[in-house]
Amino acid sequence: VRARALFLDRENLLWAGTETGLYRQSAAGAWQRHPASDALSGCMVRVIRQAVDGAMWFGSHRCGVARLLGEQLQRFGPDAGDIGNHVRDIYFTDAHTVLIAT
């Protein structure tokens, strides 16, 4: 599996974005495929960020953006008329504003 993005979250857990979804390294050091990967299969995750509220945001090369809060994954992309397919970066200006570079 080839990592396209790496991110260390506030709990010091390392996330990896790949062509087949998301992986997270446990505190013990073992890599596990994250359950959200099923909804992101084939999306090539290229950007990983964490918002002020703790939500994880993922930008992809093929499927727009996804937001993971707890176990709830919400996708935003061209099908919903939100943004384009190819996300290059995600930036938070404050707790309520997300900027997405496409």
C-alpha atoms as a PDB file:
ATOM      1  CA  VAL A   1       0.000   0.000   0.000  1.00  0.00           C
ATOM      2  CA  ARG A   2       1.421   3.364  -1.006  1.00  0.00           C
ATOM      3  CA  ALA A   3       0.759   6.330   1.305  1.00  0.00           C
ATOM      4  CA  ARG A   4      -0.278   9.543  -0.447  1.00  0.00           C
ATOM      5  CA  ALA A   5      -0.827  11.560   2.755  1.00  0.00           C
ATOM      6  CA  LEU A   6       0.293  11.312   6.382  1.00  0.00           C
ATOM      7  CA  PHE A   7      -1.129  13.124   9.403  1.00  0.00           C
ATOM      8  CA  LEU A   8      -0.489  12.898  13.140  1.00  0.00           C
ATOM      9  CA  ASP A   9      -3.719  13.671  15.025  1.00  0.00           C
ATOM     10  CA  ARG A  10      -4.170  15.199  18.494  1.00  0.00           C
ATOM     11  CA  GLU A  11      -4.125  11.740  20.086  1.00  0.00           C
ATOM     12  CA  ASN A  12      -0.708  11.095  18.497  1.00  0.00           C
ATOM     13  CA  LEU A  13      -2.156   8.495  16.148  1.00  0.00           C
ATOM     14  CA  LEU A  14      -0.722   8.461  12.636  1.00  0.00           C
ATOM     15  CA  TRP A  15      -3.153   8.390   9.707  1.00  0.00           C
ATOM     16  CA  ALA A  16      -2.233   7.387   6.158  1.00  0.00           C
ATOM     17  CA  GLY A  17      -4.244   8.201   3.060  1.00  0.00           C
ATOM     18  CA  THR A  18      -3.841   5.711   0.230  1.00  0.00           C
ATOM     19  CA  GLU A  19      -5.386   4.731  -3.097  1.00  0.00           C
ATOM     20  CA  THR A  20      -7.552   2.223  -1.246  1.00  0.00           C
ATOM     21  CA  GLY A  21      -8.732   4.446   1.621  1.00  0.00           C
ATOM     22  CA  LEU A  22      -7.545   5.201   5.134  1.00  0.00           C
ATOM     23  CA  TYR A  23      -5.235   3.487   7.562  1.00  0.00           C
ATOM     24  CA  ARG A  24      -4.478   4.451  11.154  1.00  0.00           C
ATOM     25  CA  GLN A  25      -1.609   3.332  13.335  1.00  0.00           C
ATOM     26  CA  SER A  26      -2.649   2.212  16.811  1.00  0.00           C
ATOM     27  CA  ALA A  27      -0.876   3.354  19.982  1.00  0.00           C
ATOM     28  CA  ALA A  28       0.857  -0.048  19.938  1.00  0.00           C
ATOM     29  CA  GLY A  29       2.201   0.659  16.438  1.00  0.00           C
ATOM     30  CA  ALA A  30       0.005  -1.701  14.412  1.00  0.00           C
ATOM     31  CA  TRP A  31      -1.574  -0.390  11.179  1.00  0.00           C
ATOM     32  CA  GLN A  32      -5.299  -0.943  10.757  1.00  0.00           C
ATOM     33  CA  ARG A  33      -7.582  -0.178   7.838  1.00  0.00           C
ATOM     34  CA  HIS A  34     -10.131   2.335   9.113  1.00  0.00           C
ATOM     35  CA  PRO A  35     -13.840   1.393   8.709  1.00  0.00           C
ATOM     36  CA  ALA A  36     -14.412   4.674   6.820  1.00  0.00           C
ATOM     37  CA  SER A  37     -12.291   3.204   4.024  1.00  0.00           C
ATOM     38  CA  ASP A  38     -15.324   1.376   2.688  1.00  0.00           C
ATOM     39  CA  ALA A  39     -16.975   4.701   1.815  1.00  0.00           C
ATOM     40  CA  LEU A  40     -13.707   6.048   0.354  1.00  0.00           C
ATOM     41  CA  SER A  41     -12.700   3.014  -1.685  1.00  0.00           C
ATOM     42  CA  GLY A  42     -11.107   4.092  -4.960  1.00  0.00           C
ATOM     43  CA  CYS A  43     -10.870   7.728  -3.856  1.00  0.00           C
ATOM     44  CA  MET A  44      -7.069   8.111  -3.378  1.00  0.00           C
ATOM     45  CA  VAL A  45      -6.920  10.144  -0.151  1.00  0.00           C
ATOM     46  CA  ARG A  46      -4.272  12.851  -0.610  1.00  0.00           C
ATOM     47  CA  VAL A  47      -4.963  15.325   2.227  1.00  0.00           C
ATOM     48  CA  ILE A  48      -5.702  14.666   5.910  1.00  0.00           C
ATOM     49  CA  ARG A  49      -6.500  17.415   8.417  1.00  0.00           C
ATOM     50  CA  GLN A  50      -8.136  17.671  11.849  1.00  0.00           C
ATOM     51  CA  ALA A  51     -10.636  20.411  12.678  1.00  0.00           C
ATOM     52  CA  VAL A  52     -11.022  22.255  15.979  1.00  0.00           C
ATOM     53  CA  ASP A  53     -13.994  20.022  16.902  1.00  0.00           C
ATOM     54  CA  GLY A  54     -11.819  16.928  16.442  1.00  0.00           C
ATOM     55  CA  ALA A  55     -13.399  15.915  13.143  1.00  0.00           C
ATOM     56  CA  MET A  56     -11.022  14.386  10.622  1.00  0.00           C
ATOM     57  CA  TRP A  57     -11.217  15.774   7.086  1.00  0.00           C
ATOM     58  CA  PHE A  58      -9.948  13.900   4.036  1.00  0.00           C
ATOM     59  CA  GLY A  59      -9.364  15.337   0.587  1.00  0.00           C
ATOM     60  CA  SER A  60      -9.177  12.964  -2.328  1.00  0.00           C
ATOM     61  CA  HIS A  61      -8.049  12.874  -5.914  1.00  0.00           C
ATOM     62  CA  ARG A  62     -11.289  11.374  -7.231  1.00  0.00           C
ATOM     63  CA  CYS A  63     -14.107  11.856  -4.709  1.00  0.00           C
ATOM     64  CA  GLY A  64     -14.013  15.352  -3.233  1.00  0.00           C
ATOM     65  CA  VAL A  65     -13.903  15.746   0.560  1.00  0.00           C
ATOM     66  CA  ALA A  66     -15.082  13.620   3.460  1.00  0.00           C
ATOM     67  CA  ARG A  67     -15.582  14.575   7.114  1.00  0.00           C
ATOM     68  CA  LEU A  68     -15.351  11.951   9.857  1.00  0.00           C
ATOM     69  CA  LEU A  69     -16.704  12.794  13.308  1.00  0.00           C
ATOM     70  CA  GLY A  70     -16.891   9.787  15.604  1.00  0.00           C
ATOM     71  CA  GLU A  71     -18.118   6.994  13.359  1.00  0.00           C
ATOM     72  CA  GLN A  72     -20.178   9.279  11.095  1.00  0.00           C
ATOM     73  CA  LEU A  73     -18.681   9.930   7.636  1.00  0.00           C
ATOM     74  CA  GLN A  74     -20.113  12.696   5.461  1.00  0.00           C
ATOM     75  CA  ARG A  75     -18.960  13.202   1.863  1.00  0.00           C
ATOM     76  CA  PHE A  76     -18.972  16.430  -0.137  1.00  0.00           C
ATOM     77  CA  GLY A  77     -18.257  16.449  -3.834  1.00  0.00           C
ATOM     78  CA  PRO A  78     -19.429  17.174  -7.339  1.00  0.00           C
ATOM     79  CA  ASP A  79     -22.465  14.868  -7.096  1.00  0.00           C
ATOM     80  CA  ALA A  80     -23.905  17.086  -4.368  1.00  0.00           C
ATOM     81  CA  GLY A  81     -22.819  20.255  -6.192  1.00  0.00           C
ATOM     82  CA  ASP A  82     -20.461  21.196  -3.364  1.00  0.00           C
ATOM     83  CA  ILE A  83     -16.920  21.037  -4.768  1.00  0.00           C
ATOM     84  CA  GLY A  84     -14.794  19.411  -7.436  1.00  0.00           C
ATOM     85  CA  ASN A  85     -13.382  15.889  -7.508  1.00  0.00           C
ATOM     86  CA  HIS A  86      -9.715  16.740  -6.998  1.00  0.00           C
ATOM     87  CA  VAL A  87      -8.862  18.246  -3.603  1.00  0.00           C
ATOM     88  CA  ARG A  88      -5.357  19.621  -3.129  1.00  0.00           C
ATOM     89  CA  ASP A  89      -5.577  21.036   0.409  1.00  0.00           C
ATOM     90  CA  ILE A  90      -7.895  21.742   3.339  1.00  0.00           C
ATOM     91  CA  TYR A  91      -7.477  24.706   5.673  1.00  0.00           C
ATOM     92  CA  PHE A  92      -9.481  25.857   8.704  1.00  0.00           C
ATOM     93  CA  THR A  93      -9.663  29.612   9.315  1.00  0.00           C
ATOM     94  CA  ASP A  94     -11.634  29.138  12.550  1.00  0.00           C
ATOM     95  CA  ALA A  95     -14.035  26.672  14.174  1.00  0.00           C
ATOM     96  CA  HIS A  96     -16.723  27.306  11.553  1.00  0.00           C
ATOM     97  CA  THR A  97     -14.915  27.951   8.253  1.00  0.00           C
ATOM     98  CA  VAL A  98     -13.275  25.371   6.013  1.00  0.00           C
ATOM     99  CA  LEU A  99     -11.381  26.356   2.872  1.00  0.00           C
ATOM    100  CA  ILE A 100     -10.868  23.667   0.253  1.00  0.00           C
ATOM    101  CA  ALA A 101      -8.354  23.999  -2.572  1.00  0.00           C
ATOM    102  CA  THR A 102      -9.316  22.155  -5.740  1.00  0.00           C
END
